[in-house]
Amino acid sequence: MATSYPLHPAAEIFPVMDEMAFAALVADIAAHGQREPILILDGQVIDGRHRLRACEQLDIEPLVREVSADEGDPFGLVVSLNLHRRHLSESQRAMVAAKLANMPLGSNQHRQIYLPSGSRSESLVSQECAADILKVSSRSVRHARAVIDSGVDELQNAVETGVVPVSTAANLARLPADTQREVLTRSPDEIRVI
C-alpha cells in the first residue's frame, strides 16, 4: 500500500483538480510512472496532492522529495510551481490570490512569503501584492474575498472549478445561503445573467 501524507496548508491554496484531469493524471502515471516527485515539508505535502492521490489509487509507492525550510517559503514555492502548469482562469487565480492575501508574514520561517521583487515583508501579503503575484486585478481579489467570506461552499467550488466567474459569484455571495444554493442549480449561462 502507498504511503500517505497529510496536506500542508500551502498544498490547499490551489483548487482541486477536476475529475477528468485527475483521471488523465492517473492514466499517465499508470502508463509512464510518476515523473515528478511530491514535495514534502515536515512530513506534509506542500506540492503534489493529486500525484499522491493518484499513487494511492494505483497502490504504488509515491516518489517524494523532502524540502527544508531553508529552501524558501512553501506558499511561494507552491504558487511558483502551480501558477503556469495549472492553466487557471482569472477567476480561479483570484480565488488563490484571496487565500494568499492577508496571510501573516514573518511569524516563523515556514510562513514567510517572498514578494515578486524577492524582498520579504514582515507584516501581511496585501491584496494588491497577491493580485500581482497571481496576475489578476485587485478588484478580482476583492470579489474572491467576498466569495470566501460570504459564499456557501458550493459557490466557492463553482468559482474554483471555473463554472461561475468570480464577479458574478461576489454578487451571489450577498444573497442568503439558501438563495445562493438555489441559484447554483441553474445553468452557468442562466447564472451569469443574474
N, C-alpha and C. Protein backbone atom coordinates (compact mmCIF):
# COMPACT_ATOMS: atom_id res chain seq x y z
N MET A 1 0.85 -1.19 0.00
CA MET A 1 0.00 0.00 0.00
C MET A 1 0.88 1.24 0.00
N ALA A 2 0.46 2.28 -0.72
CA ALA A 2 1.21 3.53 -0.86
C ALA A 2 1.23 4.30 0.46
N THR A 3 2.36 4.95 0.72
CA THR A 3 2.48 5.79 1.90
C THR A 3 1.58 7.01 1.74
N SER A 4 0.93 7.42 2.82
CA SER A 4 0.06 8.59 2.79
C SER A 4 0.68 9.68 3.65
N TYR A 5 0.46 10.92 3.26
CA TYR A 5 0.97 12.07 4.00
C TYR A 5 -0.15 13.08 4.18
N PRO A 6 -0.16 13.81 5.31
CA PRO A 6 -1.14 14.88 5.47
C PRO A 6 -0.76 16.06 4.57
N LEU A 7 -1.74 16.92 4.30
CA LEU A 7 -1.51 18.09 3.46
C LEU A 7 -1.09 19.29 4.30
N HIS A 8 -0.10 20.00 3.83
CA HIS A 8 0.31 21.29 4.38
C HIS A 8 -0.69 22.32 3.87
N PRO A 9 -0.99 23.37 4.62
CA PRO A 9 -1.91 24.39 4.13
C PRO A 9 -1.52 24.97 2.76
N ALA A 10 -0.24 25.01 2.45
CA ALA A 10 0.20 25.52 1.15
C ALA A 10 -0.32 24.66 0.00
N ALA A 11 -0.51 23.38 0.24
CA ALA A 11 -0.99 22.47 -0.81
C ALA A 11 -2.44 22.73 -1.16
N GLU A 12 -3.14 23.45 -0.29
CA GLU A 12 -4.58 23.63 -0.48
C GLU A 12 -4.97 25.01 -1.01
N ILE A 13 -4.00 25.85 -1.38
CA ILE A 13 -4.39 27.17 -1.86
C ILE A 13 -4.86 27.15 -3.31
N PHE A 14 -4.45 26.14 -4.08
CA PHE A 14 -4.94 25.99 -5.45
C PHE A 14 -6.14 25.06 -5.45
N PRO A 15 -7.06 25.23 -6.40
CA PRO A 15 -8.26 24.38 -6.41
C PRO A 15 -7.94 22.93 -6.71
N VAL A 16 -8.84 22.08 -6.29
CA VAL A 16 -8.72 20.65 -6.55
C VAL A 16 -8.87 20.42 -8.05
N MET A 17 -8.08 19.52 -8.58
CA MET A 17 -8.13 19.16 -10.00
C MET A 17 -9.49 18.53 -10.30
N ASP A 18 -10.07 18.89 -11.45
CA ASP A 18 -11.36 18.29 -11.81
C ASP A 18 -11.18 16.80 -12.10
N GLU A 19 -12.27 16.06 -12.05
CA GLU A 19 -12.20 14.60 -12.16
C GLU A 19 -11.64 14.12 -13.50
N MET A 20 -11.95 14.83 -14.59
CA MET A 20 -11.41 14.42 -15.89
C MET A 20 -9.89 14.57 -15.92
N ALA A 21 -9.40 15.70 -15.43
CA ALA A 21 -7.95 15.93 -15.39
C ALA A 21 -7.29 14.93 -14.46
N PHE A 22 -7.94 14.63 -13.34
CA PHE A 22 -7.37 13.66 -12.41
C PHE A 22 -7.32 12.27 -13.03
N ALA A 23 -8.37 11.89 -13.74
CA ALA A 23 -8.38 10.58 -14.41
C ALA A 23 -7.24 10.49 -15.43
N ALA A 24 -6.98 11.60 -16.13
CA ALA A 24 -5.88 11.63 -17.09
C ALA A 24 -4.54 11.48 -16.37
N LEU A 25 -4.40 12.12 -15.20
CA LEU A 25 -3.17 12.01 -14.42
C LEU A 25 -2.97 10.56 -13.96
N VAL A 26 -4.01 9.93 -13.47
CA VAL A 26 -3.92 8.54 -13.03
C VAL A 26 -3.50 7.65 -14.20
N ALA A 27 -4.12 7.86 -15.36
CA ALA A 27 -3.78 7.06 -16.54
C ALA A 27 -2.33 7.28 -16.95
N ASP A 28 -1.86 8.53 -16.88
CA ASP A 28 -0.48 8.83 -17.26
C ASP A 28 0.51 8.16 -16.30
N ILE A 29 0.23 8.26 -15.00
CA ILE A 29 1.13 7.63 -14.01
C ILE A 29 1.09 6.11 -14.16
N ALA A 30 -0.08 5.55 -14.45
CA ALA A 30 -0.18 4.09 -14.66
C ALA A 30 0.64 3.66 -15.87
N ALA A 31 0.62 4.48 -16.92
CA ALA A 31 1.31 4.12 -18.16
C ALA A 31 2.80 4.43 -18.14
N HIS A 32 3.18 5.55 -17.50
CA HIS A 32 4.56 6.03 -17.60
C HIS A 32 5.28 6.16 -16.27
N GLY A 33 4.58 5.93 -15.19
CA GLY A 33 5.17 6.12 -13.87
C GLY A 33 5.07 7.57 -13.43
N GLN A 34 5.35 7.79 -12.17
CA GLN A 34 5.31 9.14 -11.61
C GLN A 34 6.60 9.85 -12.01
N ARG A 35 6.50 10.90 -12.78
CA ARG A 35 7.68 11.59 -13.32
C ARG A 35 8.15 12.74 -12.45
N GLU A 36 7.26 13.30 -11.68
CA GLU A 36 7.60 14.46 -10.86
C GLU A 36 7.37 14.11 -9.39
N PRO A 37 8.36 14.38 -8.53
CA PRO A 37 8.18 13.99 -7.12
C PRO A 37 7.15 14.86 -6.40
N ILE A 38 6.63 14.30 -5.35
CA ILE A 38 5.76 15.02 -4.43
C ILE A 38 6.68 15.71 -3.43
N LEU A 39 6.46 17.00 -3.20
CA LEU A 39 7.32 17.74 -2.28
C LEU A 39 6.75 17.68 -0.88
N ILE A 40 7.61 17.31 0.07
CA ILE A 40 7.22 17.11 1.47
C ILE A 40 8.03 18.06 2.35
N LEU A 41 7.35 18.77 3.23
CA LEU A 41 7.99 19.64 4.22
C LEU A 41 7.47 19.24 5.60
N ASP A 42 8.37 18.88 6.48
CA ASP A 42 7.99 18.47 7.84
C ASP A 42 6.90 17.39 7.84
N GLY A 43 7.03 16.42 6.94
CA GLY A 43 6.10 15.31 6.89
C GLY A 43 4.77 15.62 6.22
N GLN A 44 4.62 16.81 5.64
CA GLN A 44 3.37 17.21 5.00
C GLN A 44 3.61 17.52 3.52
N VAL A 45 2.62 17.21 2.70
CA VAL A 45 2.68 17.51 1.27
C VAL A 45 2.50 19.00 1.06
N ILE A 46 3.48 19.64 0.39
CA ILE A 46 3.28 21.04 0.01
C ILE A 46 2.97 21.16 -1.48
N ASP A 47 3.39 20.17 -2.27
CA ASP A 47 3.07 20.17 -3.70
C ASP A 47 2.97 18.73 -4.16
N GLY A 48 1.88 18.42 -4.89
CA GLY A 48 1.72 17.08 -5.44
C GLY A 48 0.58 16.29 -4.83
N ARG A 49 -0.41 16.97 -4.26
CA ARG A 49 -1.51 16.23 -3.61
C ARG A 49 -2.25 15.35 -4.61
N HIS A 50 -2.35 15.79 -5.87
CA HIS A 50 -3.04 14.98 -6.87
C HIS A 50 -2.19 13.78 -7.30
N ARG A 51 -0.87 13.99 -7.39
CA ARG A 51 0.02 12.85 -7.69
C ARG A 51 -0.05 11.83 -6.56
N LEU A 52 -0.09 12.32 -5.31
CA LEU A 52 -0.20 11.42 -4.15
C LEU A 52 -1.50 10.62 -4.21
N ARG A 53 -2.59 11.31 -4.49
CA ARG A 53 -3.88 10.63 -4.58
C ARG A 53 -3.87 9.60 -5.71
N ALA A 54 -3.24 9.95 -6.83
CA ALA A 54 -3.15 9.02 -7.96
C ALA A 54 -2.34 7.78 -7.55
N CYS A 55 -1.22 7.99 -6.88
CA CYS A 55 -0.39 6.86 -6.43
C CYS A 55 -1.17 5.98 -5.45
N GLU A 56 -1.92 6.61 -4.54
CA GLU A 56 -2.74 5.85 -3.61
C GLU A 56 -3.77 5.02 -4.35
N GLN A 57 -4.41 5.63 -5.35
CA GLN A 57 -5.42 4.92 -6.13
C GLN A 57 -4.81 3.75 -6.90
N LEU A 58 -3.58 3.93 -7.40
CA LEU A 58 -2.89 2.89 -8.14
C LEU A 58 -2.15 1.91 -7.23
N ASP A 59 -2.16 2.21 -5.92
CA ASP A 59 -1.48 1.40 -4.92
C ASP A 59 0.02 1.24 -5.24
N ILE A 60 0.64 2.38 -5.57
CA ILE A 60 2.09 2.39 -5.79
C ILE A 60 2.74 3.37 -4.81
N GLU A 61 3.95 3.07 -4.44
CA GLU A 61 4.68 3.93 -3.52
C GLU A 61 5.04 5.23 -4.24
N PRO A 62 4.65 6.40 -3.67
CA PRO A 62 4.92 7.65 -4.36
C PRO A 62 6.40 8.05 -4.29
N LEU A 63 6.84 8.72 -5.32
CA LEU A 63 8.17 9.30 -5.35
C LEU A 63 8.07 10.66 -4.65
N VAL A 64 8.82 10.82 -3.55
CA VAL A 64 8.75 12.06 -2.79
C VAL A 64 10.14 12.69 -2.69
N ARG A 65 10.14 14.00 -2.47
CA ARG A 65 11.38 14.72 -2.21
C ARG A 65 11.15 15.63 -1.02
N GLU A 66 11.97 15.45 -0.02
CA GLU A 66 11.90 16.29 1.17
C GLU A 66 12.49 17.66 0.85
N VAL A 67 11.80 18.71 1.26
CA VAL A 67 12.34 20.06 1.16
C VAL A 67 12.49 20.59 2.58
N SER A 68 13.39 21.51 2.76
CA SER A 68 13.58 22.08 4.09
C SER A 68 13.13 23.54 4.09
N ALA A 69 12.91 24.05 5.27
CA ALA A 69 12.52 25.45 5.41
C ALA A 69 13.60 26.37 4.83
N ASP A 70 14.84 25.90 4.79
CA ASP A 70 15.93 26.69 4.23
C ASP A 70 15.78 26.91 2.73
N GLU A 71 14.99 26.07 2.07
CA GLU A 71 14.80 26.19 0.62
C GLU A 71 13.81 27.27 0.24
N GLY A 72 13.20 27.93 1.22
CA GLY A 72 12.28 29.02 0.93
C GLY A 72 10.88 28.74 1.43
N ASP A 73 10.05 29.69 1.17
CA ASP A 73 8.67 29.69 1.62
C ASP A 73 7.83 28.65 0.89
N PRO A 74 7.12 27.78 1.59
CA PRO A 74 6.31 26.77 0.92
C PRO A 74 5.16 27.37 0.11
N PHE A 75 4.58 28.46 0.58
CA PHE A 75 3.48 29.09 -0.15
C PHE A 75 3.98 29.69 -1.46
N GLY A 76 5.11 30.38 -1.39
CA GLY A 76 5.71 30.95 -2.60
C GLY A 76 6.10 29.87 -3.58
N LEU A 77 6.63 28.77 -3.07
CA LEU A 77 7.03 27.65 -3.93
C LEU A 77 5.81 27.05 -4.63
N VAL A 78 4.75 26.85 -3.90
CA VAL A 78 3.53 26.27 -4.47
C VAL A 78 2.96 27.20 -5.54
N VAL A 79 2.93 28.50 -5.27
CA VAL A 79 2.43 29.44 -6.27
C VAL A 79 3.31 29.39 -7.51
N SER A 80 4.61 29.42 -7.31
CA SER A 80 5.53 29.39 -8.45
C SER A 80 5.36 28.13 -9.29
N LEU A 81 5.23 26.97 -8.66
CA LEU A 81 5.12 25.71 -9.39
C LEU A 81 3.77 25.54 -10.09
N ASN A 82 2.71 26.05 -9.48
CA ASN A 82 1.37 25.79 -10.00
C ASN A 82 0.78 26.88 -10.87
N LEU A 83 1.29 28.07 -10.78
CA LEU A 83 0.68 29.20 -11.50
C LEU A 83 0.60 28.93 -12.99
N HIS A 84 1.65 28.41 -13.58
CA HIS A 84 1.67 28.22 -15.02
C HIS A 84 1.22 26.82 -15.46
N ARG A 85 1.48 25.81 -14.64
CA ARG A 85 1.12 24.46 -15.08
C ARG A 85 -0.35 24.15 -14.91
N ARG A 86 -1.06 24.89 -14.09
CA ARG A 86 -2.47 24.57 -13.85
C ARG A 86 -3.42 25.23 -14.85
N HIS A 87 -2.99 26.22 -15.60
CA HIS A 87 -3.82 26.86 -16.62
C HIS A 87 -5.16 27.30 -16.06
N LEU A 88 -5.13 28.09 -14.99
CA LEU A 88 -6.34 28.54 -14.33
C LEU A 88 -6.89 29.81 -14.99
N SER A 89 -8.20 29.96 -14.89
CA SER A 89 -8.84 31.18 -15.38
C SER A 89 -8.51 32.33 -14.42
N GLU A 90 -8.84 33.53 -14.84
CA GLU A 90 -8.62 34.70 -13.98
C GLU A 90 -9.40 34.56 -12.67
N SER A 91 -10.63 34.08 -12.75
CA SER A 91 -11.44 33.90 -11.54
C SER A 91 -10.81 32.89 -10.59
N GLN A 92 -10.29 31.80 -11.14
CA GLN A 92 -9.64 30.79 -10.30
C GLN A 92 -8.37 31.36 -9.67
N ARG A 93 -7.59 32.11 -10.43
CA ARG A 93 -6.37 32.73 -9.87
C ARG A 93 -6.74 33.76 -8.81
N ALA A 94 -7.86 34.46 -8.99
CA ALA A 94 -8.30 35.43 -7.99
C ALA A 94 -8.63 34.74 -6.67
N MET A 95 -9.21 33.55 -6.74
CA MET A 95 -9.51 32.80 -5.51
C MET A 95 -8.22 32.41 -4.80
N VAL A 96 -7.21 32.00 -5.55
CA VAL A 96 -5.91 31.67 -4.96
C VAL A 96 -5.31 32.92 -4.32
N ALA A 97 -5.37 34.04 -5.04
CA ALA A 97 -4.82 35.29 -4.51
C ALA A 97 -5.52 35.71 -3.23
N ALA A 98 -6.84 35.53 -3.19
CA ALA A 98 -7.59 35.90 -1.98
C ALA A 98 -7.19 35.04 -0.79
N LYS A 99 -6.87 33.77 -1.04
CA LYS A 99 -6.40 32.90 0.04
C LYS A 99 -5.01 33.31 0.50
N LEU A 100 -4.18 33.74 -0.45
CA LEU A 100 -2.82 34.14 -0.15
C LEU A 100 -2.78 35.50 0.55
N ALA A 101 -3.69 36.40 0.18
CA ALA A 101 -3.72 37.75 0.75
C ALA A 101 -4.00 37.72 2.24
N ASN A 102 -3.35 38.61 2.91
CA ASN A 102 -3.51 38.81 4.35
C ASN A 102 -2.99 37.67 5.20
N MET A 103 -2.18 36.79 4.60
CA MET A 103 -1.50 35.78 5.40
C MET A 103 -0.41 36.47 6.20
N PRO A 104 -0.28 36.13 7.45
CA PRO A 104 0.78 36.75 8.24
C PRO A 104 2.16 36.33 7.76
N LEU A 105 3.05 37.28 7.71
CA LEU A 105 4.43 37.02 7.30
C LEU A 105 5.36 37.22 8.47
N GLY A 106 6.45 36.49 8.45
CA GLY A 106 7.47 36.68 9.48
C GLY A 106 7.14 36.04 10.80
N SER A 107 5.98 35.36 10.90
CA SER A 107 5.64 34.73 12.18
C SER A 107 6.54 33.55 12.47
N ASN A 108 6.98 32.88 11.39
CA ASN A 108 8.03 31.87 11.52
C ASN A 108 8.58 31.59 10.13
N GLN A 109 9.65 30.86 10.06
CA GLN A 109 10.31 30.66 8.77
C GLN A 109 9.46 29.86 7.79
N HIS A 110 8.47 29.14 8.26
CA HIS A 110 7.66 28.34 7.36
C HIS A 110 6.55 29.16 6.71
N ARG A 111 6.29 30.35 7.21
CA ARG A 111 5.15 31.12 6.72
C ARG A 111 5.56 32.39 5.97
N GLN A 112 6.83 32.63 5.76
CA GLN A 112 7.24 33.83 5.05
C GLN A 112 7.01 33.66 3.56
N ILE A 113 6.41 34.66 2.96
CA ILE A 113 6.14 34.61 1.54
C ILE A 113 7.02 35.65 0.87
N TYR A 114 7.72 35.21 -0.15
CA TYR A 114 8.61 36.11 -0.87
C TYR A 114 7.83 36.86 -1.92
N LEU A 115 7.98 38.15 -1.90
CA LEU A 115 7.27 39.01 -2.82
C LEU A 115 7.95 39.00 -4.18
N PRO A 116 7.27 39.48 -5.23
CA PRO A 116 7.84 39.40 -6.57
C PRO A 116 9.24 39.98 -6.70
N SER A 117 9.56 41.00 -5.94
CA SER A 117 10.88 41.60 -6.03
C SER A 117 11.93 40.75 -5.33
N GLY A 118 11.49 39.74 -4.58
CA GLY A 118 12.41 38.90 -3.83
C GLY A 118 12.63 39.39 -2.41
N SER A 119 12.05 40.53 -2.07
CA SER A 119 12.21 41.04 -0.71
C SER A 119 11.10 40.49 0.17
N ARG A 120 11.37 40.45 1.46
CA ARG A 120 10.37 39.95 2.41
C ARG A 120 9.64 41.10 3.06
N SER A 121 8.39 40.85 3.36
CA SER A 121 7.62 41.78 4.16
C SER A 121 7.44 41.13 5.52
N GLU A 122 7.46 41.90 6.54
CA GLU A 122 7.30 41.33 7.88
C GLU A 122 5.87 41.50 8.39
N SER A 123 4.93 41.94 7.55
CA SER A 123 3.57 42.12 8.01
C SER A 123 2.65 41.12 7.31
N LEU A 124 1.83 41.58 6.39
CA LEU A 124 0.88 40.72 5.69
C LEU A 124 1.07 40.87 4.19
N VAL A 125 0.69 39.85 3.45
CA VAL A 125 0.64 39.98 2.00
C VAL A 125 -0.63 40.78 1.71
N SER A 126 -0.49 41.90 1.06
CA SER A 126 -1.66 42.72 0.74
C SER A 126 -2.43 42.09 -0.41
N GLN A 127 -3.67 42.49 -0.56
CA GLN A 127 -4.46 42.01 -1.69
C GLN A 127 -3.82 42.46 -3.00
N GLU A 128 -3.25 43.66 -3.01
CA GLU A 128 -2.60 44.17 -4.22
C GLU A 128 -1.38 43.32 -4.57
N CYS A 129 -0.60 42.94 -3.57
CA CYS A 129 0.58 42.10 -3.81
C CYS A 129 0.15 40.72 -4.28
N ALA A 130 -0.86 40.14 -3.63
CA ALA A 130 -1.36 38.83 -4.05
C ALA A 130 -1.90 38.89 -5.47
N ALA A 131 -2.57 39.98 -5.80
CA ALA A 131 -3.08 40.16 -7.17
C ALA A 131 -1.93 40.19 -8.16
N ASP A 132 -0.87 40.90 -7.80
CA ASP A 132 0.30 40.99 -8.68
C ASP A 132 0.95 39.62 -8.86
N ILE A 133 1.09 38.88 -7.78
CA ILE A 133 1.72 37.55 -7.84
C ILE A 133 0.91 36.62 -8.75
N LEU A 134 -0.42 36.66 -8.64
CA LEU A 134 -1.28 35.76 -9.41
C LEU A 134 -1.74 36.36 -10.73
N LYS A 135 -1.28 37.58 -11.03
CA LYS A 135 -1.57 38.21 -12.32
C LYS A 135 -3.08 38.42 -12.55
N VAL A 136 -3.73 38.98 -11.53
CA VAL A 136 -5.14 39.33 -11.62
C VAL A 136 -5.31 40.74 -11.08
N SER A 137 -6.48 41.31 -11.27
CA SER A 137 -6.74 42.65 -10.75
C SER A 137 -7.05 42.60 -9.26
N SER A 138 -6.78 43.72 -8.59
CA SER A 138 -7.13 43.81 -7.16
C SER A 138 -8.63 43.67 -6.97
N ARG A 139 -9.39 44.18 -7.94
CA ARG A 139 -10.85 44.07 -7.87
C ARG A 139 -11.27 42.60 -7.87
N SER A 140 -10.64 41.78 -8.71
CA SER A 140 -10.96 40.35 -8.74
C SER A 140 -10.64 39.69 -7.41
N VAL A 141 -9.56 40.11 -6.78
CA VAL A 141 -9.20 39.55 -5.47
C VAL A 141 -10.25 39.95 -4.43
N ARG A 142 -10.71 41.20 -4.49
CA ARG A 142 -11.76 41.63 -3.55
C ARG A 142 -13.04 40.82 -3.77
N HIS A 143 -13.39 40.58 -5.04
CA HIS A 143 -14.56 39.73 -5.33
C HIS A 143 -14.36 38.34 -4.74
N ALA A 144 -13.18 37.77 -4.95
CA ALA A 144 -12.89 36.43 -4.43
C ALA A 144 -12.96 36.40 -2.91
N ARG A 145 -12.45 37.45 -2.27
CA ARG A 145 -12.51 37.51 -0.81
C ARG A 145 -13.96 37.51 -0.34
N ALA A 146 -14.83 38.23 -1.05
CA ALA A 146 -16.26 38.26 -0.70
C ALA A 146 -16.87 36.87 -0.83
N VAL A 147 -16.47 36.14 -1.87
CA VAL A 147 -16.98 34.77 -2.07
C VAL A 147 -16.50 33.87 -0.95
N ILE A 148 -15.23 33.99 -0.58
CA ILE A 148 -14.70 33.17 0.51
C ILE A 148 -15.37 33.50 1.84
N ASP A 149 -15.58 34.79 2.08
CA ASP A 149 -16.14 35.23 3.37
C ASP A 149 -17.65 34.96 3.49
N SER A 150 -18.40 35.12 2.39
CA SER A 150 -19.86 35.07 2.48
C SER A 150 -20.52 34.02 1.60
N GLY A 151 -19.77 33.41 0.71
CA GLY A 151 -20.35 32.43 -0.19
C GLY A 151 -20.43 31.06 0.45
N VAL A 152 -21.47 30.33 0.08
CA VAL A 152 -21.60 28.94 0.55
C VAL A 152 -20.50 28.11 -0.12
N ASP A 153 -20.21 26.96 0.44
CA ASP A 153 -19.15 26.10 -0.11
C ASP A 153 -19.38 25.80 -1.59
N GLU A 154 -20.64 25.57 -1.96
CA GLU A 154 -20.95 25.26 -3.35
C GLU A 154 -20.60 26.42 -4.28
N LEU A 155 -20.79 27.65 -3.82
CA LEU A 155 -20.46 28.83 -4.62
C LEU A 155 -18.95 28.96 -4.76
N GLN A 156 -18.23 28.76 -3.67
CA GLN A 156 -16.77 28.80 -3.74
C GLN A 156 -16.25 27.74 -4.71
N ASN A 157 -16.82 26.54 -4.63
CA ASN A 157 -16.42 25.46 -5.53
C ASN A 157 -16.74 25.80 -6.99
N ALA A 158 -17.86 26.46 -7.23
CA ALA A 158 -18.24 26.83 -8.60
C ALA A 158 -17.23 27.79 -9.21
N VAL A 159 -16.67 28.68 -8.40
CA VAL A 159 -15.63 29.59 -8.91
C VAL A 159 -14.33 28.82 -9.09
N GLU A 160 -13.96 28.02 -8.12
CA GLU A 160 -12.69 27.29 -8.18
C GLU A 160 -12.65 26.28 -9.32
N THR A 161 -13.80 25.79 -9.75
CA THR A 161 -13.83 24.85 -10.87
C THR A 161 -14.09 25.54 -12.20
N GLY A 162 -14.23 26.87 -12.17
CA GLY A 162 -14.39 27.62 -13.40
C GLY A 162 -15.80 27.67 -13.95
N VAL A 163 -16.79 27.28 -13.16
CA VAL A 163 -18.18 27.27 -13.62
C VAL A 163 -18.79 28.67 -13.56
N VAL A 164 -18.46 29.42 -12.51
CA VAL A 164 -19.03 30.75 -12.30
C VAL A 164 -17.90 31.77 -12.19
N PRO A 165 -17.99 32.89 -12.92
CA PRO A 165 -16.97 33.93 -12.78
C PRO A 165 -17.01 34.54 -11.38
N VAL A 166 -15.85 34.97 -10.91
CA VAL A 166 -15.75 35.50 -9.55
C VAL A 166 -16.59 36.76 -9.36
N SER A 167 -16.73 37.59 -10.38
CA SER A 167 -17.55 38.81 -10.23
C SER A 167 -19.01 38.45 -10.02
N THR A 168 -19.51 37.47 -10.75
CA THR A 168 -20.88 37.01 -10.57
C THR A 168 -21.05 36.37 -9.20
N ALA A 169 -20.08 35.57 -8.81
CA ALA A 169 -20.13 34.90 -7.51
C ALA A 169 -20.12 35.90 -6.36
N ALA A 170 -19.38 37.00 -6.51
CA ALA A 170 -19.36 38.02 -5.45
C ALA A 170 -20.75 38.62 -5.27
N ASN A 171 -21.46 38.82 -6.36
CA ASN A 171 -22.84 39.31 -6.25
C ASN A 171 -23.74 38.28 -5.59
N LEU A 172 -23.57 37.03 -5.96
CA LEU A 172 -24.38 35.97 -5.36
C LEU A 172 -24.08 35.79 -3.87
N ALA A 173 -22.84 36.04 -3.48
CA ALA A 173 -22.45 35.86 -2.08
C ALA A 173 -23.19 36.81 -1.14
N ARG A 174 -23.76 37.85 -1.69
CA ARG A 174 -24.54 38.81 -0.87
C ARG A 174 -25.92 38.25 -0.50
N LEU A 175 -26.35 37.23 -1.22
CA LEU A 175 -27.67 36.64 -1.02
C LEU A 175 -27.65 35.65 0.15
N PRO A 176 -28.83 35.36 0.72
CA PRO A 176 -28.88 34.34 1.77
C PRO A 176 -28.38 32.99 1.24
N ALA A 177 -27.89 32.16 2.14
CA ALA A 177 -27.28 30.88 1.76
C ALA A 177 -28.24 30.01 0.94
N ASP A 178 -29.49 29.91 1.34
CA ASP A 178 -30.44 29.08 0.59
C ASP A 178 -30.65 29.60 -0.82
N THR A 179 -30.66 30.92 -0.97
CA THR A 179 -30.82 31.52 -2.30
C THR A 179 -29.59 31.24 -3.16
N GLN A 180 -28.40 31.33 -2.55
CA GLN A 180 -27.18 31.01 -3.30
C GLN A 180 -27.27 29.59 -3.84
N ARG A 181 -27.66 28.66 -2.98
CA ARG A 181 -27.74 27.25 -3.41
C ARG A 181 -28.78 27.07 -4.51
N GLU A 182 -29.92 27.77 -4.40
CA GLU A 182 -30.98 27.65 -5.42
C GLU A 182 -30.47 28.18 -6.75
N VAL A 183 -29.78 29.31 -6.75
CA VAL A 183 -29.26 29.88 -7.99
C VAL A 183 -28.26 28.93 -8.63
N LEU A 184 -27.47 28.24 -7.83
CA LEU A 184 -26.45 27.32 -8.36
C LEU A 184 -27.04 26.07 -9.01
N THR A 185 -28.35 25.84 -8.86
CA THR A 185 -28.99 24.72 -9.56
C THR A 185 -29.27 25.07 -11.02
N ARG A 186 -29.12 26.35 -11.38
CA ARG A 186 -29.37 26.79 -12.76
C ARG A 186 -28.14 26.54 -13.62
N SER A 187 -28.32 26.69 -14.91
CA SER A 187 -27.19 26.50 -15.84
C SER A 187 -26.21 27.67 -15.70
N PRO A 188 -24.94 27.46 -16.07
CA PRO A 188 -23.95 28.54 -15.99
C PRO A 188 -24.38 29.79 -16.75
N ASP A 189 -25.01 29.61 -17.91
CA ASP A 189 -25.46 30.78 -18.69
C ASP A 189 -26.55 31.54 -17.95
N GLU A 190 -27.46 30.83 -17.29
CA GLU A 190 -28.52 31.48 -16.51
C GLU A 190 -27.93 32.21 -15.30
N ILE A 191 -26.93 31.62 -14.68
CA ILE A 191 -26.29 32.24 -13.51
C ILE A 191 -25.59 33.53 -13.91
N ARG A 192 -24.92 33.55 -15.05
CA ARG A 192 -24.15 34.73 -15.47
C ARG A 192 -25.00 35.97 -15.69
N VAL A 193 -26.27 35.81 -16.01
CA VAL A 193 -27.14 36.97 -16.29
C VAL A 193 -27.80 37.51 -15.03
N ILE A 194 -27.54 36.88 -13.91
CA ILE A 194 -28.16 37.34 -12.65
C ILE A 194 -27.45 38.58 -12.17
